Each structure stands twice: as structure tokens, then as C-alpha cells.
């Protein structure tokens, strides 16, 4: 274990397989304590009652967190029929009961209504802000919570297993989707009530169950070997971001906050004409990430400079 007063400079990503019963913020605290890494942020919150993939950005990787937050995510979810809970998960109080139990055919038909762009109202016990206050704070104080609906994208919604009482689904969705709301609304469509009784995130952008590690593995890691076998590169989350190779002079300019004329870059990168104004690119010099930069009509200018 690294001593707490020793601050380690590490740049990259660790995907933690978060256990149940712990907040995402607590995971960050534990990893900071175990590793001694000074700067850590998480990419996409998981509730204490949810397990699964929680990407952690270390050092300069924190500048790329948005690429994880905006990526698609896959969940495995159990919905229990017949009870409605105040939190839309097993942590809440029972607020309604219904004797209807949907069969497999009814479920398969109903989930088709929830694929694509749909309107969704987040749970009242959520981090959505209402007039500067978190919805869950208002709900806990028994105050009226009025959350507006929002448009979310569900890419796939598949029933994988079902009994009379519980159905299991695999759901791939985009940023801002609440699985608890999806469960609540599906149950309503099926003429009953329901809540999320188990939730696990299996994929978060570039991170999955194959490249994630547990907190126990982190505790037993031999840090004397360094972090190379533990940390994934900063570029792991930039798979869908086009790249440009720079000269030494161009890299120096970007690192110092200066822009580069597009005409100069196109002499070596004729394919740049395909990039639209506003496109963000990752810029490289000698296979090292220099900066995230944006293209406009006449120049390439730095957005986030990385000190790697």
C-alpha cells in the first residue's frame, strides 16, 4: 500500500468493478488512499445499489472525462413486478401494489415502445437540480418534486430472462438515461407497477468487465512494479476522436496555447478537408498525445492541453 502522504503522479484510466453498497465518491476516496495518486475523477456515477464498471481518470486523464460521460453504456437490470417503490429501486418504501404480472409475450411487445428516442421523467430521488437544489434532497424533506421530462436515447432493450415475479433485461443507452425510470414506465405500460431490484453496469464507453479490476485486486497490487500493468492509457477513451500528427514546432505552439493555420496542416494532412468546422481532434507528436484541439475555418486551436 502507498503511504497516504505520498502523492503519485500517474496519467491514465483505471476501470473499477464497483461493489454494491458503496458510492462512486467513496470508490474515488478508496483508490486515492490505496494508490497515493493525487488527482482522480470518476466518469459516470453509479448509485450505491448498483454494481459494475466505474471508470476512474487519473492525472491528465481527468481532462478527457467528458468522453466517457458522453459515451453509451450497457446495463443488466432486474425488474420486480407488483410493487412500486418511492425511489424506483429496492431502497425505497412501497407506495403501490398491483396484482398484474406480465407474461413474456407482453413484455417483448412492450419494450419495443422504449427503443430509440423516448421521453423520460427522472426519479424524484435523483441528482437532477430543481431551482438549484438536488431532487433527492427535496424528496427526503418530503417536499413536492416536479421534474420535467427529457429526451433520452435507448439503443437496445432486450429481455434475457423472466419468471412470474422478476424479469432480467440488457439495456444499451446514451447519456442521461435513468434505468429506474425505464423500469417504472415499462411496468406502467404493462398495466402494473415495478421497480429495479438489481442493477449492474457491464459496459461504459471503452471499459467493460474484461478490462476492469476489483477494489480487492487494487489492494493486493504490488505498486513496487509501477503502474504500467494497472493503468490504461489516456487515449483509451478517444477511440472515436480523429487524430492529427504534428511537427515539433506545431506541437510546441499548441502546448503554449497558440493556434496553427489550417492551410499549413493540410499540406501534410490532405484528408483534413473532410473535417467539418467545429471538429475536435487529438493531436500527436512522436506518438504522444499533445492536446485536444478544435478546427474552425482557418485554424486549429487547443481546447485541452495534456502534459504527458
C-alpha atoms as a PDB file:
ATOM      1  CA  UNK A   1       0.000   0.000   0.000  1.00  0.00           C
ATOM      2  CA  UNK A   2       1.183   3.531  -0.782  1.00  0.00           C
ATOM      3  CA  UNK A   3       1.588   5.889   2.162  1.00  0.00           C
ATOM      4  CA  UNK A   4      -1.214   8.439   2.240  1.00  0.00           C
ATOM      5  CA  UNK A   5       1.143  11.400   2.431  1.00  0.00           C
ATOM      6  CA  UNK A   6       2.940  10.374  -0.751  1.00  0.00           C
ATOM      7  CA  UNK A   7       1.442  11.945  -3.885  1.00  0.00           C
ATOM      8  CA  UNK A   8       1.987   9.876  -7.030  1.00  0.00           C
ATOM      9  CA  UNK A   9       1.740  11.427 -10.495  1.00  0.00           C
ATOM     10  CA  UNK A  10       0.051   8.955 -12.828  1.00  0.00           C
ATOM     11  CA  UNK A  11      -1.825   9.668 -16.059  1.00  0.00           C
ATOM     12  CA  UNK A  12      -4.392   7.223 -17.425  1.00  0.00           C
ATOM     13  CA  UNK A  13      -7.501   5.246 -16.584  1.00  0.00           C
ATOM     14  CA  UNK A  14      -8.478   2.512 -14.156  1.00  0.00           C
ATOM     15  CA  UNK A  15     -11.860   0.816 -14.536  1.00  0.00           C
ATOM     16  CA  UNK A  16     -13.114  -0.335 -11.151  1.00  0.00           C
ATOM     17  CA  UNK A  17     -15.749  -3.048 -10.839  1.00  0.00           C
ATOM     18  CA  UNK A  18     -17.723  -1.243  -8.151  1.00  0.00           C
ATOM     19  CA  UNK A  19     -19.322  -3.452  -5.500  1.00  0.00           C
ATOM     20  CA  UNK A  20     -22.772  -2.899  -4.041  1.00  0.00           C
ATOM     21  CA  UNK A  21     -23.303  -0.643  -1.063  1.00  0.00           C
ATOM     22  CA  UNK A  22     -20.686   1.997  -1.802  1.00  0.00           C
ATOM     23  CA  UNK A  23     -20.969   5.367  -3.544  1.00  0.00           C
ATOM     24  CA  UNK A  24     -18.869   6.356  -6.547  1.00  0.00           C
ATOM     25  CA  UNK A  25     -17.289   9.120  -4.448  1.00  0.00           C
ATOM     26  CA  UNK A  26     -16.293   6.537  -1.822  1.00  0.00           C
ATOM     27  CA  UNK A  27     -14.589   4.476  -4.546  1.00  0.00           C
ATOM     28  CA  UNK A  28     -12.531   7.520  -5.559  1.00  0.00           C
ATOM     29  CA  UNK A  29     -11.518   8.055  -1.920  1.00  0.00           C
ATOM     30  CA  UNK A  30     -10.507   4.400  -1.505  1.00  0.00           C
ATOM     31  CA  UNK A  31      -8.464   4.353  -4.725  1.00  0.00           C
ATOM     32  CA  UNK A  32      -6.719   7.593  -3.788  1.00  0.00           C
ATOM     33  CA  UNK A  33      -5.835   6.110  -0.391  1.00  0.00           C
ATOM     34  CA  UNK A  34      -4.617   2.814  -1.860  1.00  0.00           C
ATOM     35  CA  UNK A  35      -2.542   4.235  -4.694  1.00  0.00           C
ATOM     36  CA  UNK A  36      -1.427   7.645  -3.478  1.00  0.00           C
ATOM     37  CA  UNK A  37      -2.445   9.150  -6.831  1.00  0.00           C
ATOM     38  CA  UNK A  38      -3.040  12.850  -6.265  1.00  0.00           C
ATOM     39  CA  UNK A  39      -5.674  13.609  -8.894  1.00  0.00           C
ATOM     40  CA  UNK A  40      -8.624  11.264  -9.549  1.00  0.00           C
ATOM     41  CA  UNK A  41     -12.102  11.747 -11.010  1.00  0.00           C
ATOM     42  CA  UNK A  42     -14.833   9.297 -11.991  1.00  0.00           C
ATOM     43  CA  UNK A  43     -16.575   9.072 -15.323  1.00  0.00           C
ATOM     44  CA  UNK A  44     -20.255   8.347 -14.709  1.00  0.00           C
ATOM     45  CA  UNK A  45     -21.847   7.907 -11.275  1.00  0.00           C
ATOM     46  CA  UNK A  46     -23.227   4.587 -10.068  1.00  0.00           C
ATOM     47  CA  UNK A  47     -25.737   4.509  -7.201  1.00  0.00           C
ATOM     48  CA  UNK A  48     -24.793   2.524  -4.071  1.00  0.00           C
ATOM     49  CA  UNK A  49     -27.373  -0.123  -5.043  1.00  0.00           C
ATOM     50  CA  UNK A  50     -25.757  -0.575  -8.472  1.00  0.00           C
ATOM     51  CA  UNK A  51     -22.587  -2.532  -9.208  1.00  0.00           C
ATOM     52  CA  UNK A  52     -20.326  -2.613 -12.210  1.00  0.00           C
ATOM     53  CA  UNK A  53     -17.995  -0.567 -14.357  1.00  0.00           C
ATOM     54  CA  UNK A  54     -16.847   2.745 -12.880  1.00  0.00           C
ATOM     55  CA  UNK A  55     -14.050   4.357 -14.935  1.00  0.00           C
ATOM     56  CA  UNK A  56     -11.595   6.449 -12.916  1.00  0.00           C
ATOM     57  CA  UNK A  57      -9.452   9.112 -14.574  1.00  0.00           C
ATOM     58  CA  UNK A  58      -6.002   9.648 -13.076  1.00  0.00           C
ATOM     59  CA  UNK A  59      -3.938  12.805 -13.514  1.00  0.00           C
ATOM     60  CA  UNK A  60      -4.133  14.305 -17.003  1.00  0.00           C
ATOM     61  CA  UNK A  61      -6.824  11.777 -17.961  1.00  0.00           C
ATOM     62  CA  UNK A  62      -9.282  13.903 -15.962  1.00  0.00           C
ATOM     63  CA  UNK A  63      -9.216  16.285 -18.927  1.00  0.00           C
ATOM     64  CA  UNK A  64     -10.890  13.592 -21.036  1.00  0.00           C
ATOM     65  CA  UNK A  65     -13.679  12.580 -18.616  1.00  0.00           C
ATOM     66  CA  UNK A  66     -16.336  14.123 -20.878  1.00  0.00           C
ATOM     67  CA  UNK A  67     -15.644  11.423 -23.489  1.00  0.00           C
ATOM     68  CA  UNK A  68     -16.700   8.749 -21.008  1.00  0.00           C
ATOM     69  CA  UNK A  69     -19.648  10.728 -19.650  1.00  0.00           C
ATOM     70  CA  UNK A  70     -20.975  11.168 -23.189  1.00  0.00           C
ATOM     71  CA  UNK A  71     -20.425   7.554 -24.262  1.00  0.00           C
ATOM     72  CA  UNK A  72     -23.036   4.800 -24.465  1.00  0.00           C
ATOM     73  CA  UNK A  73     -23.468   2.426 -21.533  1.00  0.00           C
ATOM     74  CA  UNK A  74     -24.839  -1.092 -21.122  1.00  0.00           C
ATOM     75  CA  UNK A  75     -26.723  -2.323 -18.064  1.00  0.00           C
ATOM     76  CA  UNK A  76     -28.053  -5.638 -16.822  1.00  0.00           C
ATOM     77  CA  UNK A  77     -31.215  -4.960 -14.896  1.00  0.00           C
ATOM     78  CA  UNK A  78     -33.764  -6.939 -12.881  1.00  0.00           C
ATOM     79  CA  UNK A  79     -37.272  -5.513 -12.662  1.00  0.00           C
ATOM     80  CA  UNK A  80     -39.567  -6.868  -9.970  1.00  0.00           C
ATOM     81  CA  UNK A  81     -43.269  -6.589 -10.790  1.00  0.00           C
ATOM     82  CA  UNK A  82     -46.169  -5.846  -8.469  1.00  0.00           C
ATOM     83  CA  UNK A  83     -44.669  -3.183  -6.212  1.00  0.00           C
ATOM     84  CA  UNK A  84     -43.906   0.480  -6.779  1.00  0.00           C
ATOM     85  CA  UNK A  85     -41.157   1.999  -4.623  1.00  0.00           C
ATOM     86  CA  UNK A  86     -40.605   5.649  -3.676  1.00  0.00           C
ATOM     87  CA  UNK A  87     -37.070   5.547  -5.102  1.00  0.00           C
ATOM     88  CA  UNK A  88     -37.939   3.249  -8.040  1.00  0.00           C
ATOM     89  CA  UNK A  89     -35.447   0.735  -6.624  1.00  0.00           C
ATOM     90  CA  UNK A  90     -35.295  -1.680  -3.692  1.00  0.00           C
ATOM     91  CA  UNK A  91     -34.116   1.019  -1.280  1.00  0.00           C
ATOM     92  CA  UNK A  92     -37.445   2.848  -1.249  1.00  0.00           C
ATOM     93  CA  UNK A  93     -40.733   2.469   0.593  1.00  0.00           C
ATOM     94  CA  UNK A  94     -43.588   0.548  -1.031  1.00  0.00           C
ATOM     95  CA  UNK A  95     -46.058   3.131  -2.323  1.00  0.00           C
ATOM     96  CA  UNK A  96     -48.292   0.985  -4.553  1.00  0.00           C
ATOM     97  CA  UNK A  97     -49.179  -2.669  -5.145  1.00  0.00           C
ATOM     98  CA  UNK A  98     -50.617  -4.318  -8.246  1.00  0.00           C
ATOM     99  CA  UNK A  99     -51.523  -7.990  -8.745  1.00  0.00           C
ATOM    100  CA  UNK A 100     -50.885  -7.959 -12.505  1.00  0.00           C
ATOM    101  CA  UNK A 101     -47.857  -9.996 -13.605  1.00  0.00           C
ATOM    102  CA  UNK A 102     -46.918  -9.580 -17.288  1.00  0.00           C
ATOM    103  CA  UNK A 103     -46.063 -12.632 -19.365  1.00  0.00           C
ATOM    104  CA  UNK A 104     -43.075 -12.947 -21.692  1.00  0.00           C
ATOM    105  CA  UNK A 105     -45.001 -12.096 -24.862  1.00  0.00           C
ATOM    106  CA  UNK A 106     -46.470  -8.954 -23.301  1.00  0.00           C
ATOM    107  CA  UNK A 107     -43.022  -7.831 -22.155  1.00  0.00           C
ATOM    108  CA  UNK A 108     -41.390  -8.410 -25.553  1.00  0.00           C
ATOM    109  CA  UNK A 109     -44.072  -6.349 -27.266  1.00  0.00           C
ATOM    110  CA  UNK A 110     -43.960  -3.530 -24.714  1.00  0.00           C
ATOM    111  CA  UNK A 111     -40.189  -2.979 -24.716  1.00  0.00           C
ATOM    112  CA  UNK A 112     -40.312  -2.069 -28.418  1.00  0.00           C
ATOM    113  CA  UNK A 113     -42.020   1.176 -27.376  1.00  0.00           C
ATOM    114  CA  UNK A 114     -38.902   2.148 -25.436  1.00  0.00           C
ATOM    115  CA  UNK A 115     -36.289   1.790 -28.179  1.00  0.00           C
ATOM    116  CA  UNK A 116     -34.973   4.926 -29.896  1.00  0.00           C
ATOM    117  CA  UNK A 117     -35.586   8.454 -28.674  1.00  0.00           C
ATOM    118  CA  UNK A 118     -38.097   8.488 -25.822  1.00  0.00           C
ATOM    119  CA  UNK A 119     -39.376  10.981 -23.277  1.00  0.00           C
ATOM    120  CA  UNK A 120     -38.454  10.154 -19.698  1.00  0.00           C
ATOM    121  CA  UNK A 121     -39.007  11.784 -16.301  1.00  0.00           C
ATOM    122  CA  UNK A 122     -36.079  11.111 -13.910  1.00  0.00           C
ATOM    123  CA  UNK A 123     -36.891   9.616 -10.484  1.00  0.00           C
ATOM    124  CA  UNK A 124     -37.640  12.110  -7.719  1.00  0.00           C
ATOM    125  CA  UNK A 125     -34.723  10.532  -5.852  1.00  0.00           C
ATOM    126  CA  UNK A 126     -32.102  11.619  -8.366  1.00  0.00           C
ATOM    127  CA  UNK A 127     -29.355  14.233  -8.668  1.00  0.00           C
ATOM    128  CA  UNK A 128     -31.383  16.392 -11.054  1.00  0.00           C
ATOM    129  CA  UNK A 129     -31.304  20.022  -9.954  1.00  0.00           C
ATOM    130  CA  UNK A 130     -34.536  21.948  -9.351  1.00  0.00           C
ATOM    131  CA  UNK A 131     -34.029  25.658  -8.691  1.00  0.00           C
ATOM    132  CA  UNK A 132     -30.503  24.934  -7.514  1.00  0.00           C
ATOM    133  CA  UNK A 133     -31.410  22.026  -5.236  1.00  0.00           C
ATOM    134  CA  UNK A 134     -30.965  18.307  -5.825  1.00  0.00           C
ATOM    135  CA  UNK A 135     -34.222  16.451  -6.348  1.00  0.00           C
ATOM    136  CA  UNK A 136     -33.272  13.797  -3.766  1.00  0.00           C
ATOM    137  CA  UNK A 137     -32.735  16.491  -1.113  1.00  0.00           C
ATOM    138  CA  UNK A 138     -36.228  17.842  -1.727  1.00  0.00           C
ATOM    139  CA  UNK A 139     -37.730  14.339  -1.741  1.00  0.00           C
ATOM    140  CA  UNK A 140     -36.058  13.442   1.557  1.00  0.00           C
ATOM    141  CA  UNK A 141     -37.553  16.598   3.096  1.00  0.00           C
ATOM    142  CA  UNK A 142     -40.979  15.439   1.836  1.00  0.00           C
ATOM    143  CA  UNK A 143     -41.235  18.485  -0.431  1.00  0.00           C
ATOM    144  CA  UNK A 144     -43.038  18.435  -3.772  1.00  0.00           C
ATOM    145  CA  UNK A 145     -40.686  17.439  -6.585  1.00  0.00           C
ATOM    146  CA  UNK A 146     -41.647  18.409 -10.118  1.00  0.00           C
ATOM    147  CA  UNK A 147     -39.103  17.168 -12.665  1.00  0.00           C
ATOM    148  CA  UNK A 148     -39.576  17.935 -16.340  1.00  0.00           C
ATOM    149  CA  UNK A 149     -39.349  15.149 -18.882  1.00  0.00           C
ATOM    150  CA  UNK A 150     -36.273  14.855 -21.070  1.00  0.00           C
ATOM    151  CA  UNK A 151     -35.416  13.096 -24.304  1.00  0.00           C
ATOM    152  CA  UNK A 152     -33.076  10.102 -23.959  1.00  0.00           C
ATOM    153  CA  UNK A 153     -31.798   7.513 -26.408  1.00  0.00           C
ATOM    154  CA  UNK A 154     -32.263   3.764 -25.883  1.00  0.00           C
ATOM    155  CA  UNK A 155     -30.204   1.825 -28.422  1.00  0.00           C
ATOM    156  CA  UNK A 156     -31.321  -1.672 -27.419  1.00  0.00           C
ATOM    157  CA  UNK A 157     -33.656  -3.171 -24.826  1.00  0.00           C
ATOM    158  CA  UNK A 158     -33.574  -6.970 -24.659  1.00  0.00           C
ATOM    159  CA  UNK A 159     -35.401  -9.383 -22.373  1.00  0.00           C
ATOM    160  CA  UNK A 160     -32.915 -12.104 -21.368  1.00  0.00           C
ATOM    161  CA  UNK A 161     -34.781 -14.000 -18.652  1.00  0.00           C
ATOM    162  CA  UNK A 162     -38.179 -13.927 -16.981  1.00  0.00           C
ATOM    163  CA  UNK A 163     -40.136 -15.529 -14.167  1.00  0.00           C
ATOM    164  CA  UNK A 164     -43.583 -14.590 -12.940  1.00  0.00           C
ATOM    165  CA  UNK A 165     -42.187 -12.069 -10.460  1.00  0.00           C
ATOM    166  CA  UNK A 166     -38.908 -10.834 -11.971  1.00  0.00           C
ATOM    167  CA  UNK A 167     -37.629 -10.084 -15.479  1.00  0.00           C
ATOM    168  CA  UNK A 168     -33.995  -9.537 -16.489  1.00  0.00           C
ATOM    169  CA  UNK A 169     -33.005  -7.136 -19.271  1.00  0.00           C
ATOM    170  CA  UNK A 170     -29.893  -5.936 -21.066  1.00  0.00           C
ATOM    171  CA  UNK A 171     -30.121  -2.259 -21.969  1.00  0.00           C
ATOM    172  CA  UNK A 172     -27.763  -0.117 -24.026  1.00  0.00           C
ATOM    173  CA  UNK A 173     -28.429   3.594 -23.758  1.00  0.00           C
ATOM    174  CA  UNK A 174     -26.923   7.045 -24.115  1.00  0.00           C
ATOM    175  CA  UNK A 175     -26.063   9.758 -21.609  1.00  0.00           C
ATOM    176  CA  UNK A 176     -28.774  10.911 -19.200  1.00  0.00           C
ATOM    177  CA  UNK A 177     -30.903   7.743 -19.219  1.00  0.00           C
ATOM    178  CA  UNK A 178     -32.317   6.591 -15.881  1.00  0.00           C
ATOM    179  CA  UNK A 179     -32.817   2.833 -15.755  1.00  0.00           C
ATOM    180  CA  UNK A 180     -35.084   3.236 -12.725  1.00  0.00           C
ATOM    181  CA  UNK A 181     -37.406   5.455 -14.788  1.00  0.00           C
ATOM    182  CA  UNK A 182     -37.326   2.929 -17.612  1.00  0.00           C
ATOM    183  CA  UNK A 183     -38.422   0.174 -15.229  1.00  0.00           C
ATOM    184  CA  UNK A 184     -41.185   2.319 -13.754  1.00  0.00           C
ATOM    185  CA  UNK A 185     -42.520   3.331 -17.184  1.00  0.00           C
ATOM    186  CA  UNK A 186     -42.316  -0.171 -18.665  1.00  0.00           C
ATOM    187  CA  UNK A 187     -44.331  -1.548 -15.758  1.00  0.00           C
ATOM    188  CA  UNK A 188     -46.953   1.146 -16.278  1.00  0.00           C
ATOM    189  CA  UNK A 189     -47.178   0.281 -19.988  1.00  0.00           C
ATOM    190  CA  UNK A 190     -47.734  -3.359 -18.976  1.00  0.00           C
ATOM    191  CA  UNK A 191     -50.615  -2.381 -16.705  1.00  0.00           C
ATOM    192  CA  UNK A 192     -48.777  -2.961 -13.450  1.00  0.00           C
ATOM    193  CA  UNK A 193     -46.082  -1.404 -11.265  1.00  0.00           C
ATOM    194  CA  UNK A 194     -42.441  -2.346 -10.790  1.00  0.00           C
ATOM    195  CA  UNK A 195     -39.025  -1.303  -9.594  1.00  0.00           C
ATOM    196  CA  UNK A 196     -35.341  -2.040 -10.232  1.00  0.00           C
ATOM    197  CA  UNK A 197     -34.364  -4.810  -7.834  1.00  0.00           C
ATOM    198  CA  UNK A 198     -30.858  -5.330  -9.234  1.00  0.00           C
ATOM    199  CA  UNK A 199     -28.670  -3.211 -11.499  1.00  0.00           C
ATOM    200  CA  UNK A 200     -25.206  -3.759 -12.932  1.00  0.00           C
ATOM    201  CA  UNK A 201     -23.330  -1.665 -15.487  1.00  0.00           C
ATOM    202  CA  UNK A 202     -21.388  -4.022 -17.748  1.00  0.00           C
ATOM    203  CA  UNK A 203     -20.009  -1.535 -20.288  1.00  0.00           C
ATOM    204  CA  UNK A 204     -19.144   2.163 -20.008  1.00  0.00           C
ATOM    205  CA  UNK A 205     -17.681   3.520 -23.224  1.00  0.00           C
ATOM    206  CA  UNK A 206     -14.335   1.771 -23.778  1.00  0.00           C
ATOM    207  CA  UNK A 207     -14.461  -0.011 -20.410  1.00  0.00           C
ATOM    208  CA  UNK A 208     -16.005  -3.399 -19.696  1.00  0.00           C
ATOM    209  CA  UNK A 209     -15.825  -6.412 -17.396  1.00  0.00           C
ATOM    210  CA  UNK A 210     -12.654  -7.652 -19.138  1.00  0.00           C
ATOM    211  CA  UNK A 211     -10.518  -4.558 -18.510  1.00  0.00           C
ATOM    212  CA  UNK A 212     -11.955  -3.679 -15.091  1.00  0.00           C
ATOM    213  CA  UNK A 213     -10.453  -4.638 -11.739  1.00  0.00           C
ATOM    214  CA  UNK A 214     -11.938  -5.027  -8.275  1.00  0.00           C
ATOM    215  CA  UNK A 215     -11.035  -2.970  -5.220  1.00  0.00           C
ATOM    216  CA  UNK A 216      -9.631  -6.161  -3.678  1.00  0.00           C
ATOM    217  CA  UNK A 217      -7.269  -6.576  -6.637  1.00  0.00           C
ATOM    218  CA  UNK A 218      -6.200  -2.974  -6.186  1.00  0.00           C
ATOM    219  CA  UNK A 219      -5.464  -3.609  -2.508  1.00  0.00           C
ATOM    220  CA  UNK A 220      -3.213  -6.551  -3.374  1.00  0.00           C
ATOM    221  CA  UNK A 221      -1.424  -4.907  -6.299  1.00  0.00           C
ATOM    222  CA  UNK A 222       2.370  -4.714  -5.985  1.00  0.00           C
ATOM    223  CA  UNK A 223       2.984  -0.999  -6.501  1.00  0.00           C
ATOM    224  CA  UNK A 224       6.744  -1.551  -6.441  1.00  0.00           C
ATOM    225  CA  UNK A 225       6.306  -2.786 -10.013  1.00  0.00           C
ATOM    226  CA  UNK A 226       4.971   0.608 -11.005  1.00  0.00           C
ATOM    227  CA  UNK A 227       1.616   1.423 -12.577  1.00  0.00           C
ATOM    228  CA  UNK A 228       2.234   0.250 -16.155  1.00  0.00           C
ATOM    229  CA  UNK A 229       0.331  -3.021 -15.673  1.00  0.00           C
ATOM    230  CA  UNK A 230      -2.517  -1.316 -13.869  1.00  0.00           C
ATOM    231  CA  UNK A 231      -3.336   1.887 -15.722  1.00  0.00           C
ATOM    232  CA  UNK A 232      -4.838   2.143 -19.208  1.00  0.00           C
ATOM    233  CA  UNK A 233      -3.610   4.970 -21.494  1.00  0.00           C
ATOM    234  CA  UNK A 234      -5.325   8.371 -21.568  1.00  0.00           C
ATOM    235  CA  UNK A 235      -6.154   7.677 -25.241  1.00  0.00           C
ATOM    236  CA  UNK A 236      -8.354   4.707 -24.257  1.00  0.00           C
ATOM    237  CA  UNK A 237     -11.417   6.974 -24.259  1.00  0.00           C
ATOM    238  CA  UNK A 238     -10.535   8.742 -27.527  1.00  0.00           C
ATOM    239  CA  UNK A 239     -11.182   5.880 -29.960  1.00  0.00           C
ATOM    240  CA  UNK A 240     -13.797   7.881 -31.850  1.00  0.00           C
ATOM    241  CA  UNK A 241     -11.803  11.120 -31.958  1.00  0.00           C
ATOM    242  CA  UNK A 242      -9.853  11.653 -35.222  1.00  0.00           C
ATOM    243  CA  UNK A 243      -6.133  12.265 -34.897  1.00  0.00           C
ATOM    244  CA  UNK A 244      -3.611  14.613 -36.491  1.00  0.00           C
ATOM    245  CA  UNK A 245       0.165  14.190 -36.449  1.00  0.00           C
ATOM    246  CA  UNK A 246       2.099  17.368 -35.673  1.00  0.00           C
ATOM    247  CA  UNK A 247       5.636  18.556 -36.277  1.00  0.00           C
ATOM    248  CA  UNK A 248       7.791  19.534 -33.298  1.00  0.00           C
ATOM    249  CA  UNK A 249       7.102  23.230 -33.964  1.00  0.00           C
ATOM    250  CA  UNK A 250       3.334  22.692 -34.222  1.00  0.00           C
ATOM    251  CA  UNK A 251       3.298  20.638 -31.014  1.00  0.00           C
ATOM    252  CA  UNK A 252       5.197  23.424 -29.253  1.00  0.00           C
ATOM    253  CA  UNK A 253       2.679  26.009 -30.442  1.00  0.00           C
ATOM    254  CA  UNK A 254      -0.346  24.038 -29.241  1.00  0.00           C
ATOM    255  CA  UNK A 255       1.234  23.286 -25.857  1.00  0.00           C
ATOM    256  CA  UNK A 256       1.721  27.014 -25.409  1.00  0.00           C
ATOM    257  CA  UNK A 257      -1.882  27.814 -26.234  1.00  0.00           C
ATOM    258  CA  UNK A 258      -1.218  29.038 -29.757  1.00  0.00           C
ATOM    259  CA  UNK A 259      -3.214  28.089 -32.839  1.00  0.00           C
ATOM    260  CA  UNK A 260      -1.958  26.613 -36.123  1.00  0.00           C
ATOM    261  CA  UNK A 261      -3.158  27.739 -39.572  1.00  0.00           C
ATOM    262  CA  UNK A 262      -5.263  25.078 -41.283  1.00  0.00           C
ATOM    263  CA  UNK A 263      -3.500  25.730 -44.595  1.00  0.00           C
ATOM    264  CA  UNK A 264      -0.177  24.684 -43.049  1.00  0.00           C
ATOM    265  CA  UNK A 265      -1.624  21.466 -41.629  1.00  0.00           C
ATOM    266  CA  UNK A 266      -3.331  20.481 -44.894  1.00  0.00           C
ATOM    267  CA  UNK A 267      -0.003  20.394 -46.702  1.00  0.00           C
ATOM    268  CA  UNK A 268       0.764  17.201 -44.753  1.00  0.00           C
ATOM    269  CA  UNK A 269      -2.784  16.083 -43.978  1.00  0.00           C
ATOM    270  CA  UNK A 270      -4.814  16.485 -47.205  1.00  0.00           C
ATOM    271  CA  UNK A 271      -7.628  14.420 -45.684  1.00  0.00           C
ATOM    272  CA  UNK A 272      -8.379  17.306 -43.335  1.00  0.00           C
ATOM    273  CA  UNK A 273     -10.795  18.737 -45.888  1.00  0.00           C
ATOM    274  CA  UNK A 274     -13.206  16.050 -44.675  1.00  0.00           C
ATOM    275  CA  UNK A 275     -13.233  17.517 -41.167  1.00  0.00           C
ATOM    276  CA  UNK A 276     -16.075  19.933 -40.514  1.00  0.00           C
ATOM    277  CA  UNK A 277     -15.687  23.219 -38.713  1.00  0.00           C
ATOM    278  CA  UNK A 278     -16.053  22.501 -35.005  1.00  0.00           C
ATOM    279  CA  UNK A 279     -14.497  19.032 -35.210  1.00  0.00           C
ATOM    280  CA  UNK A 280     -12.371  18.111 -32.199  1.00  0.00           C
ATOM    281  CA  UNK A 281      -9.211  16.127 -32.913  1.00  0.00           C
ATOM    282  CA  UNK A 282      -6.471  14.526 -30.832  1.00  0.00           C
ATOM    283  CA  UNK A 283      -3.082  15.876 -31.852  1.00  0.00           C
ATOM    284  CA  UNK A 284       0.039  13.704 -31.651  1.00  0.00           C
ATOM    285  CA  UNK A 285       3.773  14.208 -31.776  1.00  0.00           C
ATOM    286  CA  UNK A 286       6.050  11.158 -31.752  1.00  0.00           C
ATOM    287  CA  UNK A 287       3.056   9.008 -30.723  1.00  0.00           C
ATOM    288  CA  UNK A 288       2.433  11.204 -27.681  1.00  0.00           C
ATOM    289  CA  UNK A 289      -0.873  12.966 -27.095  1.00  0.00           C
ATOM    290  CA  UNK A 290      -0.278  16.719 -27.092  1.00  0.00           C
ATOM    291  CA  UNK A 291      -3.718  18.296 -26.913  1.00  0.00           C
ATOM    292  CA  UNK A 292      -7.351  18.040 -27.810  1.00  0.00           C
ATOM    293  CA  UNK A 293      -7.831  20.738 -30.422  1.00  0.00           C
ATOM    294  CA  UNK A 294     -10.706  22.131 -32.455  1.00  0.00           C
ATOM    295  CA  UNK A 295     -10.872  23.040 -36.113  1.00  0.00           C
ATOM    296  CA  UNK A 296     -12.508  26.212 -37.383  1.00  0.00           C
ATOM    297  CA  UNK A 297     -12.452  27.751 -40.851  1.00  0.00           C
ATOM    298  CA  UNK A 298      -8.874  28.999 -40.718  1.00  0.00           C
ATOM    299  CA  UNK A 299      -7.054  27.472 -37.757  1.00  0.00           C
ATOM    300  CA  UNK A 300      -6.604  24.619 -35.332  1.00  0.00           C
ATOM    301  CA  UNK A 301      -6.688  25.840 -31.738  1.00  0.00           C
ATOM    302  CA  UNK A 302      -6.071  23.971 -28.454  1.00  0.00           C
ATOM    303  CA  UNK A 303      -9.032  23.113 -26.222  1.00  0.00           C
ATOM    304  CA  UNK A 304      -7.326  20.922 -23.596  1.00  0.00           C
ATOM    305  CA  UNK A 305      -3.525  20.688 -23.446  1.00  0.00           C
ATOM    306  CA  UNK A 306      -2.230  17.465 -21.873  1.00  0.00           C
ATOM    307  CA  UNK A 307       1.064  17.374 -20.030  1.00  0.00           C
ATOM    308  CA  UNK A 308       2.130  13.796 -20.718  1.00  0.00           C
END
